[in-house]
Amino acid sequence: MALELKDGWIGTIIDTGRDTSKGQAGEVAVNLAVGETTIEESPNGKAINVKVKPENAKYGLSGYVGKSYDLAKVAMEAVEKGAKLLYRFEQRRKPHLDVNIPMAELKPDLQSGKENTLKVLAGIYNFNTGEWLLSNDITAHPDNDTPQLKAFIESCVAKDTSTFFEAPKEIVTDDNYKAKQHLLEIFSFLQGKENELGFELSLKERLIASTQLLKLIAKVQLINTQQNEVSYGSKTFEDAKKIIFNSLSASALTKEDLTTNLKETMTKQITSLSELMKQFGKFLEGNKWLKSTF
């Protein structure tokens, strides 16, 4: 899917230096632009003039490039396909003019600008590689761009707004996540029982008791469902947890029941609950009418 760009432009003056022996050309006006693009061939047929008119811009921007340049080929293909690109234009002083003259003095108005400066297409930005395709005679290299010019590159990428209208995606959690949630609930349950019964477990004691209770609840789930695998995310585990919480709430627990006698407490719970489940099973089997009543 092609990257969608939104119209816009930004311009600034970049001082390339005053040493003409090093190719420096004094102040250069640099403009970056995205917008409706047209191409005109130069009178001698050796170059093209790329014209870009961003939405809401009072004036368009333009620049010449030789037809043999890769820049020209990319621009012509983009116009042919109706694709928008990010173009880099330079407005330079004509070669005979002193590099010390500020750009503002060279183009105080449109007519003076035409007489004193040249407009060229200096680059096209490739969003796939994150690099500029540049002309061979560029004077203001992107390495020297201002932070504002660099920020514009990212800002001209259109944001995908379709997600604003999508229903929220359901968060998928695994059994390990749900087991941790149960442990937190058991941990809080124990804290409440401690406050209610007037004793306090250490953090380590409460963690050990919470883990053992989780195992106890898992055993109750397996007894109730007659399955061989624990499922922390199912309703049957929630049901088993309620059974254990109710059973413990009905018991006069002591601190020793949850520490030194923890193993015996767990054994007593599972034994009594298993026996109770068997009795319920026999009762329902002997009273089948009861199950069908509801």
Protein backbone atom coordinates (compact mmCIF):
# COMPACT_ATOMS: atom_id res chain seq x y z
CA MET A 1 0.00 0.00 0.00
CA ALA A 2 1.42 3.40 -1.03
CA LEU A 3 2.31 5.86 1.71
CA GLU A 4 -0.16 8.75 1.85
CA LEU A 5 1.31 12.23 2.20
CA LYS A 6 -0.59 15.32 3.23
CA ASP A 7 -0.13 18.68 1.54
CA GLY A 8 2.14 21.21 3.14
CA TRP A 9 5.33 23.20 2.77
CA ILE A 10 8.07 24.80 4.81
CA GLY A 11 10.86 27.15 3.85
CA THR A 12 13.98 28.64 5.38
CA ILE A 13 17.30 30.25 4.54
CA ILE A 14 20.43 28.13 4.88
CA ASP A 15 23.86 29.73 4.80
CA THR A 16 26.15 27.39 2.84
CA GLY A 17 29.26 29.50 3.41
CA ARG A 18 31.22 32.08 1.38
CA ASP A 19 34.11 30.03 -0.06
CA THR A 20 33.23 29.65 -3.74
CA SER A 21 36.31 27.45 -4.30
CA LYS A 22 34.58 24.84 -2.15
CA GLY A 23 31.28 25.17 -3.97
CA GLN A 24 29.74 27.34 -1.27
CA ALA A 25 27.05 29.69 -2.53
CA GLY A 26 26.21 31.97 0.39
CA GLU A 27 22.60 32.03 1.52
CA VAL A 28 20.22 29.61 -0.23
CA ALA A 29 16.45 29.51 0.16
CA VAL A 30 15.35 25.92 0.78
CA ASN A 31 11.71 24.83 0.49
CA LEU A 32 10.18 21.42 1.14
CA ALA A 33 6.74 20.83 -0.34
CA VAL A 34 4.02 18.24 -0.91
CA GLY A 35 1.03 19.00 -3.11
CA GLU A 36 -0.59 18.85 -6.51
CA THR A 37 2.25 18.51 -8.99
CA THR A 38 2.58 19.45 -12.65
CA ILE A 39 5.53 19.35 -15.01
CA GLU A 40 6.48 21.69 -17.85
CA GLU A 41 9.28 21.10 -20.32
CA SER A 42 11.91 23.83 -20.70
CA PRO A 43 12.05 25.76 -24.02
CA ASN A 44 15.20 23.88 -25.11
CA GLY A 45 13.69 20.50 -24.13
CA LYS A 46 16.67 19.54 -21.93
CA ALA A 47 15.05 20.15 -18.57
CA ILE A 48 11.69 20.08 -16.85
CA ASN A 49 10.14 22.52 -14.42
CA VAL A 50 8.47 20.69 -11.50
CA LYS A 51 5.68 22.77 -9.99
CA VAL A 52 4.06 21.92 -6.64
CA LYS A 53 0.98 23.69 -5.23
CA PRO A 54 0.15 22.58 -1.67
CA GLU A 55 -3.43 23.04 -0.47
CA ASN A 56 -4.03 26.38 1.25
CA ALA A 57 -0.70 27.74 0.00
CA LYS A 58 -0.97 31.18 -1.62
CA TYR A 59 1.78 30.42 -4.14
CA GLY A 60 3.23 27.25 -5.58
CA LEU A 61 6.88 26.22 -5.52
CA SER A 62 8.93 25.11 -8.48
CA GLY A 63 12.35 24.17 -9.69
CA TYR A 64 14.16 22.98 -12.82
CA VAL A 65 16.06 19.73 -13.19
CA GLY A 66 17.75 18.16 -16.20
CA LYS A 67 15.66 15.51 -17.94
CA SER A 68 18.50 13.01 -17.74
CA TYR A 69 18.61 13.22 -13.92
CA ASP A 70 17.04 10.47 -11.82
CA LEU A 71 15.11 13.21 -10.04
CA ALA A 72 13.37 14.12 -13.29
CA LYS A 73 12.46 10.49 -14.01
CA VAL A 74 10.97 9.99 -10.54
CA ALA A 75 9.02 13.25 -10.73
CA MET A 76 7.59 12.44 -14.17
CA GLU A 77 6.54 8.94 -13.07
CA ALA A 78 4.89 10.35 -9.94
CA VAL A 79 2.87 12.87 -11.97
CA GLU A 80 1.89 10.14 -14.42
CA LYS A 81 0.62 7.96 -11.54
CA GLY A 82 -0.96 10.84 -9.64
CA ALA A 83 1.28 10.18 -6.64
CA LYS A 84 2.36 12.87 -4.21
CA LEU A 85 6.02 13.16 -3.23
CA LEU A 86 8.07 15.33 -0.91
CA TYR A 87 10.15 17.68 -3.06
CA ARG A 88 13.14 19.77 -2.07
CA PHE A 89 13.61 23.05 -3.93
CA GLU A 90 16.53 25.47 -3.81
CA GLN A 91 16.48 29.11 -4.83
CA ARG A 92 20.09 30.16 -5.45
CA ARG A 93 21.77 33.35 -6.55
CA LYS A 94 22.94 33.45 -10.16
CA PRO A 95 26.66 32.58 -10.55
CA HIS A 96 27.85 36.12 -11.25
CA LEU A 97 26.39 37.57 -8.02
CA ASP A 98 28.46 38.16 -4.87
CA VAL A 99 27.99 35.36 -2.30
CA ASN A 100 28.02 37.98 0.47
CA ILE A 101 24.76 39.59 -0.61
CA PRO A 102 21.90 38.39 1.66
CA MET A 103 19.14 36.45 -0.08
CA ALA A 104 16.57 38.98 1.13
CA GLU A 105 18.30 41.69 -0.90
CA LEU A 106 18.38 39.51 -4.01
CA LYS A 107 14.63 38.92 -4.05
CA PRO A 108 12.79 41.79 -2.40
CA ASP A 109 10.03 41.22 -4.96
CA LEU A 110 9.06 38.65 -7.61
CA GLN A 111 10.68 40.49 -10.49
CA SER A 112 14.01 40.93 -8.66
CA GLY A 113 13.88 37.27 -7.67
CA LYS A 114 13.57 36.23 -11.32
CA GLU A 115 16.48 38.44 -12.33
CA ASN A 116 18.86 37.45 -9.51
CA THR A 117 18.11 33.84 -8.64
CA LEU A 118 17.66 30.34 -10.07
CA LYS A 119 15.04 27.87 -8.89
CA VAL A 120 16.07 24.21 -9.00
CA LEU A 121 14.70 20.86 -7.90
CA ALA A 122 17.39 19.67 -5.50
CA GLY A 123 15.90 16.47 -4.09
CA ILE A 124 13.02 14.04 -3.56
CA TYR A 125 12.61 12.23 -0.25
CA ASN A 126 12.31 8.42 -0.28
CA PHE A 127 10.19 7.42 2.71
CA ASN A 128 10.99 3.73 2.13
CA THR A 129 14.69 4.24 2.74
CA GLY A 130 14.55 7.42 4.84
CA GLU A 131 16.99 9.13 2.47
CA TRP A 132 17.00 11.97 -0.02
CA LEU A 133 17.56 11.41 -3.73
CA LEU A 134 19.63 14.49 -4.47
CA SER A 135 20.76 16.38 -7.54
CA ASN A 136 24.45 16.32 -8.40
CA ASP A 137 24.83 20.07 -7.94
CA ILE A 138 22.95 20.53 -4.66
CA THR A 139 24.31 23.46 -2.63
CA ALA A 140 22.40 23.19 0.69
CA HIS A 141 22.85 19.58 1.80
CA PRO A 142 20.14 18.02 4.04
CA ASP A 143 22.82 17.23 6.65
CA ASN A 144 22.79 20.94 7.45
CA ASP A 145 19.00 21.25 7.65
CA THR A 146 17.41 23.06 10.57
CA PRO A 147 15.41 21.03 13.14
CA GLN A 148 12.22 22.54 11.67
CA LEU A 149 12.99 21.17 8.20
CA LYS A 150 13.76 17.72 9.61
CA ALA A 151 10.56 17.70 11.68
CA PHE A 152 8.49 18.60 8.62
CA ILE A 153 9.46 15.33 6.93
CA GLU A 154 7.67 13.32 9.60
CA SER A 155 4.75 15.73 9.90
CA CYS A 156 3.79 15.51 6.24
CA VAL A 157 2.99 11.79 6.52
CA ALA A 158 -0.80 11.45 6.76
CA LYS A 159 -1.94 9.70 9.94
CA ASP A 160 -4.27 6.69 9.70
CA THR A 161 -7.56 7.79 11.28
CA SER A 162 -9.52 4.61 10.48
CA THR A 163 -8.67 3.18 13.91
CA PHE A 164 -10.78 5.90 15.52
CA PHE A 165 -13.89 4.09 14.33
CA GLU A 166 -12.87 0.52 15.15
CA ALA A 167 -14.30 -1.33 18.12
CA PRO A 168 -11.74 -1.87 20.89
CA LYS A 169 -9.85 -5.11 20.46
CA GLU A 170 -10.41 -7.70 23.15
CA ILE A 171 -7.31 -8.31 25.22
CA VAL A 172 -6.38 -11.97 25.01
CA THR A 173 -4.83 -13.34 28.19
CA ASP A 174 -3.25 -16.73 28.86
CA ASP A 175 -3.76 -19.08 31.80
CA ASN A 176 -0.59 -17.84 33.46
CA TYR A 177 -1.98 -14.30 33.57
CA LYS A 178 -5.30 -15.51 35.00
CA ALA A 179 -3.54 -17.63 37.64
CA LYS A 180 -1.72 -14.50 38.83
CA GLN A 181 -5.03 -12.64 39.03
CA HIS A 182 -6.47 -15.43 41.20
CA LEU A 183 -3.40 -15.34 43.44
CA LEU A 184 -3.86 -11.59 43.96
CA GLU A 185 -7.50 -12.15 44.91
CA ILE A 186 -6.58 -14.96 47.33
CA PHE A 187 -3.84 -12.78 48.84
CA SER A 188 -6.40 -9.99 49.44
CA PHE A 189 -8.89 -12.50 50.85
CA LEU A 190 -6.32 -13.67 53.41
CA GLN A 191 -5.54 -10.11 54.45
CA GLY A 192 -9.23 -9.56 55.09
CA LYS A 193 -9.49 -12.75 57.19
CA GLU A 194 -6.45 -11.71 59.23
CA ASN A 195 -8.03 -8.38 60.08
CA GLU A 196 -11.31 -10.08 60.88
CA LEU A 197 -9.81 -12.78 63.12
CA GLY A 198 -7.19 -10.63 64.81
CA PHE A 199 -3.85 -12.02 63.66
CA GLU A 200 -1.27 -11.04 61.05
CA LEU A 201 0.77 -13.21 58.68
CA SER A 202 4.16 -12.16 57.44
CA LEU A 203 4.45 -11.43 53.72
CA LYS A 204 6.22 -14.75 53.16
CA GLU A 205 3.59 -16.68 55.14
CA ARG A 206 0.77 -15.02 53.24
CA LEU A 207 2.43 -15.76 49.86
CA ILE A 208 2.88 -19.44 50.78
CA ALA A 209 -0.72 -19.73 52.01
CA SER A 210 -2.00 -18.02 48.84
CA THR A 211 -0.11 -20.47 46.63
CA GLN A 212 -1.42 -23.48 48.55
CA LEU A 213 -4.96 -22.18 48.39
CA LEU A 214 -4.65 -21.75 44.62
CA LYS A 215 -3.65 -25.43 44.39
CA LEU A 216 -6.57 -26.37 46.63
CA ILE A 217 -9.02 -24.48 44.42
CA ALA A 218 -7.57 -26.23 41.37
CA LYS A 219 -8.19 -29.62 43.01
CA VAL A 220 -11.79 -28.69 43.79
CA GLN A 221 -12.27 -27.62 40.16
CA LEU A 222 -11.00 -31.01 38.94
CA ILE A 223 -13.28 -32.87 41.35
CA ASN A 224 -16.32 -30.86 40.28
CA THR A 225 -15.65 -31.11 36.55
CA GLN A 226 -14.11 -34.59 36.58
CA GLN A 227 -11.43 -33.28 34.22
CA ASN A 228 -7.68 -33.86 34.23
CA GLU A 229 -6.52 -30.34 33.42
CA VAL A 230 -6.87 -27.12 35.40
CA SER A 231 -8.33 -24.12 33.55
CA TYR A 232 -7.72 -20.88 35.45
CA GLY A 233 -9.76 -18.84 32.99
CA SER A 234 -12.97 -20.86 33.13
CA LYS A 235 -16.11 -20.24 35.18
CA THR A 236 -15.63 -23.57 36.93
CA PHE A 237 -12.44 -22.23 38.54
CA GLU A 238 -14.35 -19.18 39.75
CA ASP A 239 -16.99 -21.53 41.19
CA ALA A 240 -14.33 -23.60 42.97
CA LYS A 241 -12.80 -20.44 44.41
CA LYS A 242 -16.15 -19.37 45.83
CA ILE A 243 -16.54 -22.77 47.47
CA ILE A 244 -13.14 -22.48 49.18
CA PHE A 245 -13.69 -18.88 50.24
CA ASN A 246 -17.09 -19.77 51.72
CA SER A 247 -15.64 -22.81 53.49
CA LEU A 248 -12.75 -20.83 54.98
CA SER A 249 -15.09 -17.99 56.00
CA ALA A 250 -17.22 -20.49 57.92
CA SER A 251 -14.13 -21.84 59.71
CA ALA A 252 -12.60 -20.38 62.87
CA LEU A 253 -9.14 -20.09 61.34
CA THR A 254 -6.09 -19.43 63.44
CA LYS A 255 -2.69 -18.17 62.44
CA GLU A 256 -1.32 -21.69 62.90
CA ASP A 257 -3.93 -23.06 60.46
CA LEU A 258 -2.32 -20.93 57.76
CA THR A 259 1.33 -21.41 58.78
CA THR A 260 2.66 -24.37 60.77
CA ASN A 261 -0.52 -26.43 60.25
CA LEU A 262 -1.12 -25.26 56.67
CA LYS A 263 -0.72 -28.74 55.15
CA GLU A 264 -3.22 -30.21 57.58
CA THR A 265 -5.65 -27.36 56.89
CA MET A 266 -5.50 -28.00 53.15
CA THR A 267 -5.93 -31.75 53.63
CA LYS A 268 -8.92 -31.23 55.92
CA GLN A 269 -10.53 -28.85 53.43
CA ILE A 270 -10.14 -31.11 50.42
CA THR A 271 -11.25 -34.20 52.36
CA SER A 272 -14.40 -32.61 53.71
CA LEU A 273 -15.27 -30.99 50.40
CA SER A 274 -14.67 -34.23 48.47
CA GLU A 275 -16.95 -36.11 50.83
CA LEU A 276 -19.56 -33.38 50.55
CA MET A 277 -19.44 -33.54 46.74
CA LYS A 278 -19.95 -37.31 46.84
CA GLN A 279 -22.98 -36.91 49.10
CA PHE A 280 -24.44 -34.26 46.82
CA GLY A 281 -23.87 -36.56 43.85
CA LYS A 282 -25.69 -39.46 45.51
CA PHE A 283 -28.52 -37.20 46.57
CA LEU A 284 -29.05 -35.82 43.08
CA GLU A 285 -28.79 -39.30 41.54
CA GLY A 286 -31.51 -40.55 43.86
CA ASN A 287 -33.69 -37.53 43.19
CA LYS A 288 -33.49 -37.09 39.41
CA TRP A 289 -36.74 -35.18 39.51
CA LEU A 290 -34.91 -32.45 41.39
CA LYS A 291 -32.42 -31.85 38.58
CA SER A 292 -35.19 -31.66 36.00
CA THR A 293 -37.27 -29.21 38.06
CA PHE A 294 -35.00 -26.34 37.13
